[in-house]
Amino acid sequence: EVAVQAEPPAGPAPATDDTLRLYFLCAHSTLPPASAVALTLRAVG
């Protein structure tokens, strides 16, 4: 997150980090929804 914040903006797009992408990656297709939610809450949330 610090590295992302330290980088200059690369155009007009709003500044973001990779947190939202991590949420999606933890919601893995092999996991039941309840397990995916629990894992994401613990690992990323």
ModelCIF file with pLDDT and N, C-alpha, C, O atoms, coordinates in Angstrom:
data_MODEL
#
_entry.id   MODEL 
#
_entity.id                         1 
_entity.type                       polymer 
_entity.pdbx_number_of_molecules   1 
#
_entity_poly.entity_id                      1 
_entity_poly.type                           'polypeptide(L)' 
_entity_poly.nstd_linkage                   no 
_entity_poly.nstd_monomer                   no 
_entity_poly.pdbx_seq_one_letter_code       EVAVQAEPPAGPAPATDDTLRLYFLCAHSTLPPASAVALTLRAVG 
_entity_poly.pdbx_seq_one_letter_code_can   EVAVQAEPPAGPAPATDDTLRLYFLCAHSTLPPASAVALTLRAVG 
_entity_poly.pdbx_strand_id                 A 
#
loop_
_entity_poly_seq.entity_id 
_entity_poly_seq.num 
_entity_poly_seq.mon_id 
_entity_poly_seq.hetero 
1 1  GLU n 
1 2  VAL n 
1 3  ALA n 
1 4  VAL n 
1 5  GLN n 
1 6  ALA n 
1 7  GLU n 
1 8  PRO n 
1 9  PRO n 
1 10 ALA n 
1 11 GLY n 
1 12 PRO n 
1 13 ALA n 
1 14 PRO n 
1 15 ALA n 
1 16 THR n 
1 17 ASP n 
1 18 ASP n 
1 19 THR n 
1 20 LEU n 
1 21 ARG n 
1 22 LEU n 
1 23 TYR n 
1 24 PHE n 
1 25 LEU n 
1 26 CYS n 
1 27 ALA n 
1 28 HIS n 
1 29 SER n 
1 30 THR n 
1 31 LEU n 
1 32 PRO n 
1 33 PRO n 
1 34 ALA n 
1 35 SER n 
1 36 ALA n 
1 37 VAL n 
1 38 ALA n 
1 39 LEU n 
1 40 THR n 
1 41 LEU n 
1 42 ARG n 
1 43 ALA n 
1 44 VAL n 
1 45 GLY n 
#
_struct_asym.id          A 
_struct_asym.entity_id   1 
#
loop_
_ma_qa_metric.id 
_ma_qa_metric.mode 
_ma_qa_metric.name 
_ma_qa_metric.software_group_id 
_ma_qa_metric.type 
1 global pLDDT . pLDDT 
2 local  pLDDT . pLDDT 
#
_ma_qa_metric_global.metric_id      1 
_ma_qa_metric_global.metric_value   62.27 
_ma_qa_metric_global.model_id       1 
_ma_qa_metric_global.ordinal_id     1 
#
loop_
_ma_qa_metric_local.label_asym_id 
_ma_qa_metric_local.label_comp_id 
_ma_qa_metric_local.label_seq_id 
_ma_qa_metric_local.metric_id 
_ma_qa_metric_local.metric_value 
_ma_qa_metric_local.model_id 
_ma_qa_metric_local.ordinal_id 
A GLU 1  2 54.00 1 1  
A VAL 2  2 48.00 1 2  
A ALA 3  2 47.00 1 3  
A VAL 4  2 47.00 1 4  
A GLN 5  2 49.00 1 5  
A ALA 6  2 42.00 1 6  
A GLU 7  2 47.00 1 7  
A PRO 8  2 41.00 1 8  
A PRO 9  2 45.00 1 9  
A ALA 10 2 43.00 1 10 
A GLY 11 2 40.00 1 11 
A PRO 12 2 40.00 1 12 
A ALA 13 2 36.00 1 13 
A PRO 14 2 44.00 1 14 
A ALA 15 2 46.00 1 15 
A THR 16 2 50.00 1 16 
A ASP 17 2 56.00 1 17 
A ASP 18 2 68.00 1 18 
A THR 19 2 73.00 1 19 
A LEU 20 2 75.00 1 20 
A ARG 21 2 75.00 1 21 
A LEU 22 2 72.00 1 22 
A TYR 23 2 73.00 1 23 
A PHE 24 2 77.00 1 24 
A LEU 25 2 71.00 1 25 
A CYS 26 2 71.00 1 26 
A ALA 27 2 71.00 1 27 
A HIS 28 2 68.00 1 28 
A SER 29 2 68.00 1 29 
A THR 30 2 71.00 1 30 
A LEU 31 2 72.00 1 31 
A PRO 32 2 71.00 1 32 
A PRO 33 2 69.00 1 33 
A ALA 34 2 72.00 1 34 
A SER 35 2 77.00 1 35 
A ALA 36 2 75.00 1 36 
A VAL 37 2 73.00 1 37 
A ALA 38 2 78.00 1 38 
A LEU 39 2 77.00 1 39 
A THR 40 2 74.00 1 40 
A LEU 41 2 73.00 1 41 
A ARG 42 2 77.00 1 42 
A ALA 43 2 72.00 1 43 
A VAL 44 2 68.00 1 44 
A GLY 45 2 66.00 1 45 
#
loop_
_atom_site.group_PDB 
_atom_site.id 
_atom_site.type_symbol 
_atom_site.label_atom_id 
_atom_site.label_alt_id 
_atom_site.label_comp_id 
_atom_site.label_asym_id 
_atom_site.label_entity_id 
_atom_site.label_seq_id 
_atom_site.pdbx_PDB_ins_code 
_atom_site.Cartn_x 
_atom_site.Cartn_y 
_atom_site.Cartn_z 
_atom_site.occupancy 
_atom_site.B_iso_or_equiv 
_atom_site.pdbx_formal_charge 
_atom_site.auth_seq_id 
_atom_site.auth_comp_id 
_atom_site.auth_asym_id 
_atom_site.auth_atom_id 
_atom_site.pdbx_PDB_model_num 
ATOM 1   N N  . GLU A 1 1  ? 0.825   -1.202  0.000   1.00 54.00 ? 1  GLU A N  1 
ATOM 2   C CA . GLU A 1 1  ? 0.000   0.000   0.000   1.00 54.00 ? 1  GLU A CA 1 
ATOM 3   C C  . GLU A 1 1  ? 0.867   1.264   0.000   1.00 54.00 ? 1  GLU A C  1 
ATOM 4   O O  . GLU A 1 1  ? 0.564   2.235   -0.693  1.00 54.00 ? 1  GLU A O  1 
ATOM 5   N N  . VAL A 1 2  ? 1.953   1.236   0.791   1.00 48.00 ? 2  VAL A N  1 
ATOM 6   C CA . VAL A 1 2  ? 2.849   2.397   0.813   1.00 48.00 ? 2  VAL A CA 1 
ATOM 7   C C  . VAL A 1 2  ? 3.471   2.611   -0.560  1.00 48.00 ? 2  VAL A C  1 
ATOM 8   O O  . VAL A 1 2  ? 3.603   3.744   -1.022  1.00 48.00 ? 2  VAL A O  1 
ATOM 9   N N  . ALA A 1 3  ? 3.857   1.501   -1.213  1.00 47.00 ? 3  ALA A N  1 
ATOM 10  C CA . ALA A 1 3  ? 4.464   1.612   -2.538  1.00 47.00 ? 3  ALA A CA 1 
ATOM 11  C C  . ALA A 1 3  ? 3.484   2.203   -3.538  1.00 47.00 ? 3  ALA A C  1 
ATOM 12  O O  . ALA A 1 3  ? 3.858   3.031   -4.369  1.00 47.00 ? 3  ALA A O  1 
ATOM 13  N N  . VAL A 1 4  ? 2.224   1.775   -3.455  1.00 47.00 ? 4  VAL A N  1 
ATOM 14  C CA . VAL A 1 4  ? 1.212   2.304   -4.371  1.00 47.00 ? 4  VAL A CA 1 
ATOM 15  C C  . VAL A 1 4  ? 1.008   3.791   -4.134  1.00 47.00 ? 4  VAL A C  1 
ATOM 16  O O  . VAL A 1 4  ? 0.920   4.577   -5.077  1.00 47.00 ? 4  VAL A O  1 
ATOM 17  N N  . GLN A 1 5  ? 0.935   4.168   -2.851  1.00 49.00 ? 5  GLN A N  1 
ATOM 18  C CA . GLN A 1 5  ? 0.723   5.577   -2.523  1.00 49.00 ? 5  GLN A CA 1 
ATOM 19  C C  . GLN A 1 5  ? 1.897   6.450   -2.950  1.00 49.00 ? 5  GLN A C  1 
ATOM 20  O O  . GLN A 1 5  ? 1.715   7.622   -3.278  1.00 49.00 ? 5  GLN A O  1 
ATOM 21  N N  . ALA A 1 6  ? 3.112   5.876   -2.945  1.00 42.00 ? 6  ALA A N  1 
ATOM 22  C CA . ALA A 1 6  ? 4.304   6.641   -3.296  1.00 42.00 ? 6  ALA A CA 1 
ATOM 23  C C  . ALA A 1 6  ? 4.445   6.844   -4.802  1.00 42.00 ? 6  ALA A C  1 
ATOM 24  O O  . ALA A 1 6  ? 5.142   7.761   -5.235  1.00 42.00 ? 6  ALA A O  1 
ATOM 25  N N  . GLU A 1 7  ? 3.797   6.008   -5.603  1.00 47.00 ? 7  GLU A N  1 
ATOM 26  C CA . GLU A 1 7  ? 3.899   6.133   -7.056  1.00 47.00 ? 7  GLU A CA 1 
ATOM 27  C C  . GLU A 1 7  ? 3.099   7.331   -7.546  1.00 47.00 ? 7  GLU A C  1 
ATOM 28  O O  . GLU A 1 7  ? 2.008   7.586   -7.036  1.00 47.00 ? 7  GLU A O  1 
ATOM 29  N N  . PRO A 1 8  ? 3.616   8.076   -8.528  1.00 41.00 ? 8  PRO A N  1 
ATOM 30  C CA . PRO A 1 8  ? 2.842   9.183   -9.088  1.00 41.00 ? 8  PRO A CA 1 
ATOM 31  C C  . PRO A 1 8  ? 1.660   8.650   -9.879  1.00 41.00 ? 8  PRO A C  1 
ATOM 32  O O  . PRO A 1 8  ? 1.743   7.557   -10.439 1.00 41.00 ? 8  PRO A O  1 
ATOM 33  N N  . PRO A 1 9  ? 0.568   9.388   -9.939  1.00 45.00 ? 9  PRO A N  1 
ATOM 34  C CA . PRO A 1 9  ? -0.594  8.927   -10.714 1.00 45.00 ? 9  PRO A CA 1 
ATOM 35  C C  . PRO A 1 9  ? -0.255  8.812   -12.184 1.00 45.00 ? 9  PRO A C  1 
ATOM 36  O O  . PRO A 1 9  ? 0.444   9.659   -12.740 1.00 45.00 ? 9  PRO A O  1 
ATOM 37  N N  . ALA A 1 10 ? -0.761  7.743   -12.821 1.00 43.00 ? 10 ALA A N  1 
ATOM 38  C CA . ALA A 1 10 ? -0.448  7.491   -14.224 1.00 43.00 ? 10 ALA A CA 1 
ATOM 39  C C  . ALA A 1 10 ? -1.580  7.955   -15.123 1.00 43.00 ? 10 ALA A C  1 
ATOM 40  O O  . ALA A 1 10 ? -1.943  7.246   -16.061 1.00 43.00 ? 10 ALA A O  1 
ATOM 41  N N  . GLY A 1 11 ? -2.142  9.115   -14.866 1.00 40.00 ? 11 GLY A N  1 
ATOM 42  C CA . GLY A 1 11 ? -3.228  9.603   -15.701 1.00 40.00 ? 11 GLY A CA 1 
ATOM 43  C C  . GLY A 1 11 ? -4.410  10.034  -14.859 1.00 40.00 ? 11 GLY A C  1 
ATOM 44  O O  . GLY A 1 11 ? -4.285  10.185  -13.644 1.00 40.00 ? 11 GLY A O  1 
ATOM 45  N N  . PRO A 1 12 ? -5.553  10.232  -15.488 1.00 40.00 ? 12 PRO A N  1 
ATOM 46  C CA . PRO A 1 12 ? -6.706  10.763  -14.759 1.00 40.00 ? 12 PRO A CA 1 
ATOM 47  C C  . PRO A 1 12 ? -7.430  9.760   -13.897 1.00 40.00 ? 12 PRO A C  1 
ATOM 48  O O  . PRO A 1 12 ? -8.327  10.142  -13.147 1.00 40.00 ? 12 PRO A O  1 
ATOM 49  N N  . ALA A 1 13 ? -7.073  8.469   -13.973 1.00 36.00 ? 13 ALA A N  1 
ATOM 50  C CA . ALA A 1 13 ? -7.788  7.453   -13.189 1.00 36.00 ? 13 ALA A CA 1 
ATOM 51  C C  . ALA A 1 13 ? -7.602  7.713   -11.702 1.00 36.00 ? 13 ALA A C  1 
ATOM 52  O O  . ALA A 1 13 ? -6.515  8.127   -11.299 1.00 36.00 ? 13 ALA A O  1 
ATOM 53  N N  . PRO A 1 14 ? -8.620  7.489   -10.865 1.00 44.00 ? 14 PRO A N  1 
ATOM 54  C CA . PRO A 1 14 ? -8.491  7.711   -9.416  1.00 44.00 ? 14 PRO A CA 1 
ATOM 55  C C  . PRO A 1 14 ? -7.501  6.737   -8.808  1.00 44.00 ? 14 PRO A C  1 
ATOM 56  O O  . PRO A 1 14 ? -7.320  5.622   -9.299  1.00 44.00 ? 14 PRO A O  1 
ATOM 57  N N  . ALA A 1 15 ? -6.862  7.178   -7.726  1.00 46.00 ? 15 ALA A N  1 
ATOM 58  C CA . ALA A 1 15 ? -5.885  6.322   -7.050  1.00 46.00 ? 15 ALA A CA 1 
ATOM 59  C C  . ALA A 1 15 ? -6.592  5.145   -6.386  1.00 46.00 ? 15 ALA A C  1 
ATOM 60  O O  . ALA A 1 15 ? -7.593  5.332   -5.695  1.00 46.00 ? 15 ALA A O  1 
ATOM 61  N N  . THR A 1 16 ? -6.077  3.935   -6.593  1.00 50.00 ? 16 THR A N  1 
ATOM 62  C CA . THR A 1 16 ? -6.649  2.740   -5.974  1.00 50.00 ? 16 THR A CA 1 
ATOM 63  C C  . THR A 1 16 ? -5.520  1.870   -5.459  1.00 50.00 ? 16 THR A C  1 
ATOM 64  O O  . THR A 1 16 ? -4.358  2.101   -5.796  1.00 50.00 ? 16 THR A O  1 
ATOM 65  N N  . ASP A 1 17 ? -5.841  0.878   -4.652  1.00 56.00 ? 17 ASP A N  1 
ATOM 66  C CA . ASP A 1 17 ? -4.864  -0.118  -4.268  1.00 56.00 ? 17 ASP A CA 1 
ATOM 67  C C  . ASP A 1 17 ? -5.376  -1.474  -4.736  1.00 56.00 ? 17 ASP A C  1 
ATOM 68  O O  . ASP A 1 17 ? -6.380  -1.562  -5.442  1.00 56.00 ? 17 ASP A O  1 
ATOM 69  N N  . ASP A 1 18 ? -4.670  -2.528  -4.333  1.00 68.00 ? 18 ASP A N  1 
ATOM 70  C CA . ASP A 1 18 ? -5.035  -3.855  -4.826  1.00 68.00 ? 18 ASP A CA 1 
ATOM 71  C C  . ASP A 1 18 ? -6.013  -4.570  -3.895  1.00 68.00 ? 18 ASP A C  1 
ATOM 72  O O  . ASP A 1 18 ? -6.266  -5.761  -4.069  1.00 68.00 ? 18 ASP A O  1 
ATOM 73  N N  . THR A 1 19 ? -6.562  -3.863  -2.914  1.00 73.00 ? 19 THR A N  1 
ATOM 74  C CA . THR A 1 19 ? -7.409  -4.527  -1.928  1.00 73.00 ? 19 THR A CA 1 
ATOM 75  C C  . THR A 1 19 ? -8.641  -5.158  -2.570  1.00 73.00 ? 19 THR A C  1 
ATOM 76  O O  . THR A 1 19 ? -8.982  -6.303  -2.273  1.00 73.00 ? 19 THR A O  1 
ATOM 77  N N  . LEU A 1 20 ? -9.307  -4.413  -3.449  1.00 75.00 ? 20 LEU A N  1 
ATOM 78  C CA . LEU A 1 20 ? -10.521 -4.950  -4.072  1.00 75.00 ? 20 LEU A CA 1 
ATOM 79  C C  . LEU A 1 20 ? -10.202 -6.189  -4.900  1.00 75.00 ? 20 LEU A C  1 
ATOM 80  O O  . LEU A 1 20 ? -10.970 -7.152  -4.902  1.00 75.00 ? 20 LEU A O  1 
ATOM 81  N N  . ARG A 1 21 ? -9.073  -6.167  -5.601  1.00 75.00 ? 21 ARG A N  1 
ATOM 82  C CA . ARG A 1 21 ? -8.672  -7.346  -6.380  1.00 75.00 ? 21 ARG A CA 1 
ATOM 83  C C  . ARG A 1 21 ? -8.435  -8.541  -5.450  1.00 75.00 ? 21 ARG A C  1 
ATOM 84  O O  . ARG A 1 21 ? -8.785  -9.671  -5.792  1.00 75.00 ? 21 ARG A O  1 
ATOM 85  N N  . LEU A 1 22 ? -7.843  -8.296  -4.282  1.00 72.00 ? 22 LEU A N  1 
ATOM 86  C CA . LEU A 1 22 ? -7.609  -9.378  -3.331  1.00 72.00 ? 22 LEU A CA 1 
ATOM 87  C C  . LEU A 1 22 ? -8.928  -9.963  -2.840  1.00 72.00 ? 22 LEU A C  1 
ATOM 88  O O  . LEU A 1 22 ? -9.028  -11.169 -2.619  1.00 72.00 ? 22 LEU A O  1 
ATOM 89  N N  . TYR A 1 23 ? -9.932  -9.121  -2.670  1.00 73.00 ? 23 TYR A N  1 
ATOM 90  C CA . TYR A 1 23 ? -11.245 -9.622  -2.273  1.00 73.00 ? 23 TYR A CA 1 
ATOM 91  C C  . TYR A 1 23 ? -11.758 -10.630 -3.306  1.00 73.00 ? 23 TYR A C  1 
ATOM 92  O O  . TYR A 1 23 ? -12.269 -11.693 -2.953  1.00 73.00 ? 23 TYR A O  1 
ATOM 93  N N  . PHE A 1 24 ? -11.612 -10.281 -4.580  1.00 77.00 ? 24 PHE A N  1 
ATOM 94  C CA . PHE A 1 24 ? -12.100 -11.169 -5.632  1.00 77.00 ? 24 PHE A CA 1 
ATOM 95  C C  . PHE A 1 24 ? -11.276 -12.450 -5.718  1.00 77.00 ? 24 PHE A C  1 
ATOM 96  O O  . PHE A 1 24 ? -11.830 -13.523 -5.954  1.00 77.00 ? 24 PHE A O  1 
ATOM 97  N N  . LEU A 1 25 ? -9.973  -12.352 -5.532  1.00 71.00 ? 25 LEU A N  1 
ATOM 98  C CA . LEU A 1 25 ? -9.130  -13.537 -5.632  1.00 71.00 ? 25 LEU A CA 1 
ATOM 99  C C  . LEU A 1 25 ? -9.388  -14.506 -4.481  1.00 71.00 ? 25 LEU A C  1 
ATOM 100 O O  . LEU A 1 25 ? -9.288  -15.720 -4.656  1.00 71.00 ? 25 LEU A O  1 
ATOM 101 N N  . CYS A 1 26 ? -9.721  -13.970 -3.299  1.00 71.00 ? 26 CYS A N  1 
ATOM 102 C CA . CYS A 1 26 ? -10.033 -14.850 -2.176  1.00 71.00 ? 26 CYS A CA 1 
ATOM 103 C C  . CYS A 1 26 ? -11.390 -15.538 -2.348  1.00 71.00 ? 26 CYS A C  1 
ATOM 104 O O  . CYS A 1 26 ? -11.636 -16.597 -1.771  1.00 71.00 ? 26 CYS A O  1 
ATOM 105 N N  . ALA A 1 27 ? -12.261 -14.925 -3.144  1.00 71.00 ? 27 ALA A N  1 
ATOM 106 C CA . ALA A 1 27 ? -13.568 -15.541 -3.418  1.00 71.00 ? 27 ALA A CA 1 
ATOM 107 C C  . ALA A 1 27 ? -13.383 -16.617 -4.485  1.00 71.00 ? 27 ALA A C  1 
ATOM 108 O O  . ALA A 1 27 ? -13.972 -16.539 -5.563  1.00 71.00 ? 27 ALA A O  1 
ATOM 109 N N  . HIS A 1 28 ? -12.560 -17.622 -4.176  1.00 68.00 ? 28 HIS A N  1 
ATOM 110 C CA . HIS A 1 28 ? -12.127 -18.619 -5.157  1.00 68.00 ? 28 HIS A CA 1 
ATOM 111 C C  . HIS A 1 28 ? -13.273 -19.533 -5.567  1.00 68.00 ? 28 HIS A C  1 
ATOM 112 O O  . HIS A 1 28 ? -14.120 -19.899 -4.752  1.00 68.00 ? 28 HIS A O  1 
ATOM 113 N N  . SER A 1 29 ? -13.282 -19.895 -6.851  1.00 68.00 ? 29 SER A N  1 
ATOM 114 C CA . SER A 1 29 ? -14.385 -20.684 -7.391  1.00 68.00 ? 29 SER A CA 1 
ATOM 115 C C  . SER A 1 29 ? -14.473 -22.078 -6.782  1.00 68.00 ? 29 SER A C  1 
ATOM 116 O O  . SER A 1 29 ? -15.533 -22.701 -6.843  1.00 68.00 ? 29 SER A O  1 
ATOM 117 N N  . THR A 1 30 ? -13.383 -22.587 -6.192  1.00 71.00 ? 30 THR A N  1 
ATOM 118 C CA . THR A 1 30 ? -13.409 -23.928 -5.605  1.00 71.00 ? 30 THR A CA 1 
ATOM 119 C C  . THR A 1 30 ? -14.003 -23.946 -4.203  1.00 71.00 ? 30 THR A C  1 
ATOM 120 O O  . THR A 1 30 ? -14.257 -25.016 -3.649  1.00 71.00 ? 30 THR A O  1 
ATOM 121 N N  . LEU A 1 31 ? -14.226 -22.759 -3.625  1.00 72.00 ? 31 LEU A N  1 
ATOM 122 C CA . LEU A 1 31 ? -14.710 -22.686 -2.246  1.00 72.00 ? 31 LEU A CA 1 
ATOM 123 C C  . LEU A 1 31 ? -16.220 -22.464 -2.213  1.00 72.00 ? 31 LEU A C  1 
ATOM 124 O O  . LEU A 1 31 ? -16.755 -21.732 -3.045  1.00 72.00 ? 31 LEU A O  1 
ATOM 125 N N  . PRO A 1 32 ? -16.914 -23.092 -1.256  1.00 71.00 ? 32 PRO A N  1 
ATOM 126 C CA . PRO A 1 32 ? -18.316 -22.733 -1.033  1.00 71.00 ? 32 PRO A CA 1 
ATOM 127 C C  . PRO A 1 32 ? -18.396 -21.265 -0.633  1.00 71.00 ? 32 PRO A C  1 
ATOM 128 O O  . PRO A 1 32 ? -17.473 -20.751 -0.001  1.00 71.00 ? 32 PRO A O  1 
ATOM 129 N N  . PRO A 1 33 ? -19.484 -20.579 -0.989  1.00 69.00 ? 33 PRO A N  1 
ATOM 130 C CA . PRO A 1 33 ? -19.583 -19.148 -0.689  1.00 69.00 ? 33 PRO A CA 1 
ATOM 131 C C  . PRO A 1 33 ? -19.309 -18.802 0.771   1.00 69.00 ? 33 PRO A C  1 
ATOM 132 O O  . PRO A 1 33 ? -18.603 -17.833 1.049   1.00 69.00 ? 33 PRO A O  1 
ATOM 133 N N  . ALA A 1 34 ? -19.860 -19.584 1.720   1.00 72.00 ? 34 ALA A N  1 
ATOM 134 C CA . ALA A 1 34 ? -19.666 -19.265 3.141   1.00 72.00 ? 34 ALA A CA 1 
ATOM 135 C C  . ALA A 1 34 ? -18.191 -19.334 3.525   1.00 72.00 ? 34 ALA A C  1 
ATOM 136 O O  . ALA A 1 34 ? -17.710 -18.503 4.295   1.00 72.00 ? 34 ALA A O  1 
ATOM 137 N N  . SER A 1 35 ? -17.467 -20.325 2.989   1.00 77.00 ? 35 SER A N  1 
ATOM 138 C CA . SER A 1 35 ? -16.045 -20.461 3.293   1.00 77.00 ? 35 SER A CA 1 
ATOM 139 C C  . SER A 1 35 ? -15.244 -19.344 2.646   1.00 77.00 ? 35 SER A C  1 
ATOM 140 O O  . SER A 1 35 ? -14.305 -18.817 3.243   1.00 77.00 ? 35 SER A O  1 
ATOM 141 N N  . ALA A 1 36 ? -15.619 -18.982 1.412   1.00 75.00 ? 36 ALA A N  1 
ATOM 142 C CA . ALA A 1 36 ? -14.915 -17.902 0.718   1.00 75.00 ? 36 ALA A CA 1 
ATOM 143 C C  . ALA A 1 36 ? -15.087 -16.583 1.456   1.00 75.00 ? 36 ALA A C  1 
ATOM 144 O O  . ALA A 1 36 ? -14.137 -15.811 1.581   1.00 75.00 ? 36 ALA A O  1 
ATOM 145 N N  . VAL A 1 37 ? -16.287 -16.323 1.943   1.00 73.00 ? 37 VAL A N  1 
ATOM 146 C CA . VAL A 1 37 ? -16.541 -15.097 2.698   1.00 73.00 ? 37 VAL A CA 1 
ATOM 147 C C  . VAL A 1 37 ? -15.716 -15.083 3.978   1.00 73.00 ? 37 VAL A C  1 
ATOM 148 O O  . VAL A 1 37 ? -15.076 -14.080 4.296   1.00 73.00 ? 37 VAL A O  1 
ATOM 149 N N  . ALA A 1 38 ? -15.730 -16.193 4.712   1.00 78.00 ? 38 ALA A N  1 
ATOM 150 C CA . ALA A 1 38 ? -14.985 -16.263 5.974   1.00 78.00 ? 38 ALA A CA 1 
ATOM 151 C C  . ALA A 1 38 ? -13.499 -16.058 5.749   1.00 78.00 ? 38 ALA A C  1 
ATOM 152 O O  . ALA A 1 38 ? -12.853 -15.316 6.489   1.00 78.00 ? 38 ALA A O  1 
ATOM 153 N N  . LEU A 1 39 ? -12.946 -16.718 4.721   1.00 77.00 ? 39 LEU A N  1 
ATOM 154 C CA . LEU A 1 39 ? -11.517 -16.590 4.431   1.00 77.00 ? 39 LEU A CA 1 
ATOM 155 C C  . LEU A 1 39 ? -11.168 -15.159 4.048   1.00 77.00 ? 39 LEU A C  1 
ATOM 156 O O  . LEU A 1 39 ? -10.147 -14.637 4.497   1.00 77.00 ? 39 LEU A O  1 
ATOM 157 N N  . THR A 1 40 ? -11.987 -14.518 3.233   1.00 74.00 ? 40 THR A N  1 
ATOM 158 C CA . THR A 1 40 ? -11.703 -13.155 2.795   1.00 74.00 ? 40 THR A CA 1 
ATOM 159 C C  . THR A 1 40 ? -11.782 -12.181 3.957   1.00 74.00 ? 40 THR A C  1 
ATOM 160 O O  . THR A 1 40 ? -10.954 -11.279 4.078   1.00 74.00 ? 40 THR A O  1 
ATOM 161 N N  . LEU A 1 41 ? -12.777 -12.364 4.807   1.00 73.00 ? 41 LEU A N  1 
ATOM 162 C CA . LEU A 1 41 ? -12.889 -11.496 5.977   1.00 73.00 ? 41 LEU A CA 1 
ATOM 163 C C  . LEU A 1 41 ? -11.650 -11.588 6.860   1.00 73.00 ? 41 LEU A C  1 
ATOM 164 O O  . LEU A 1 41 ? -11.192 -10.587 7.411   1.00 73.00 ? 41 LEU A O  1 
ATOM 165 N N  . ARG A 1 42 ? -11.115 -12.798 6.990   1.00 77.00 ? 42 ARG A N  1 
ATOM 166 C CA . ARG A 1 42 ? -9.952  -12.996 7.853   1.00 77.00 ? 42 ARG A CA 1 
ATOM 167 C C  . ARG A 1 42 ? -8.664  -12.538 7.185   1.00 77.00 ? 42 ARG A C  1 
ATOM 168 O O  . ARG A 1 42 ? -7.845  -11.862 7.807   1.00 77.00 ? 42 ARG A O  1 
ATOM 169 N N  . ALA A 1 43 ? -8.482  -12.913 5.898   1.00 72.00 ? 43 ALA A N  1 
ATOM 170 C CA . ALA A 1 43 ? -7.203  -12.670 5.231   1.00 72.00 ? 43 ALA A CA 1 
ATOM 171 C C  . ALA A 1 43 ? -7.069  -11.244 4.713   1.00 72.00 ? 43 ALA A C  1 
ATOM 172 O O  . ALA A 1 43 ? -5.968  -10.694 4.710   1.00 72.00 ? 43 ALA A O  1 
ATOM 173 N N  . VAL A 1 44 ? -8.165  -10.635 4.275   1.00 68.00 ? 44 VAL A N  1 
ATOM 174 C CA . VAL A 1 44 ? -8.091  -9.317  3.646   1.00 68.00 ? 44 VAL A CA 1 
ATOM 175 C C  . VAL A 1 44 ? -8.868  -8.273  4.437   1.00 68.00 ? 44 VAL A C  1 
ATOM 176 O O  . VAL A 1 44 ? -8.428  -7.132  4.575   1.00 68.00 ? 44 VAL A O  1 
ATOM 177 N N  . GLY A 1 45 ? -10.036 -8.675  4.961   1.00 66.00 ? 45 GLY A N  1 
ATOM 178 C CA . GLY A 1 45 ? -10.881 -7.709  5.645   1.00 66.00 ? 45 GLY A CA 1 
ATOM 179 C C  . GLY A 1 45 ? -10.370 -7.266  6.993   1.00 66.00 ? 45 GLY A C  1 
ATOM 180 O O  . GLY A 1 45 ? -11.008 -6.450  7.658   1.00 66.00 ? 45 GLY A O  1 
#
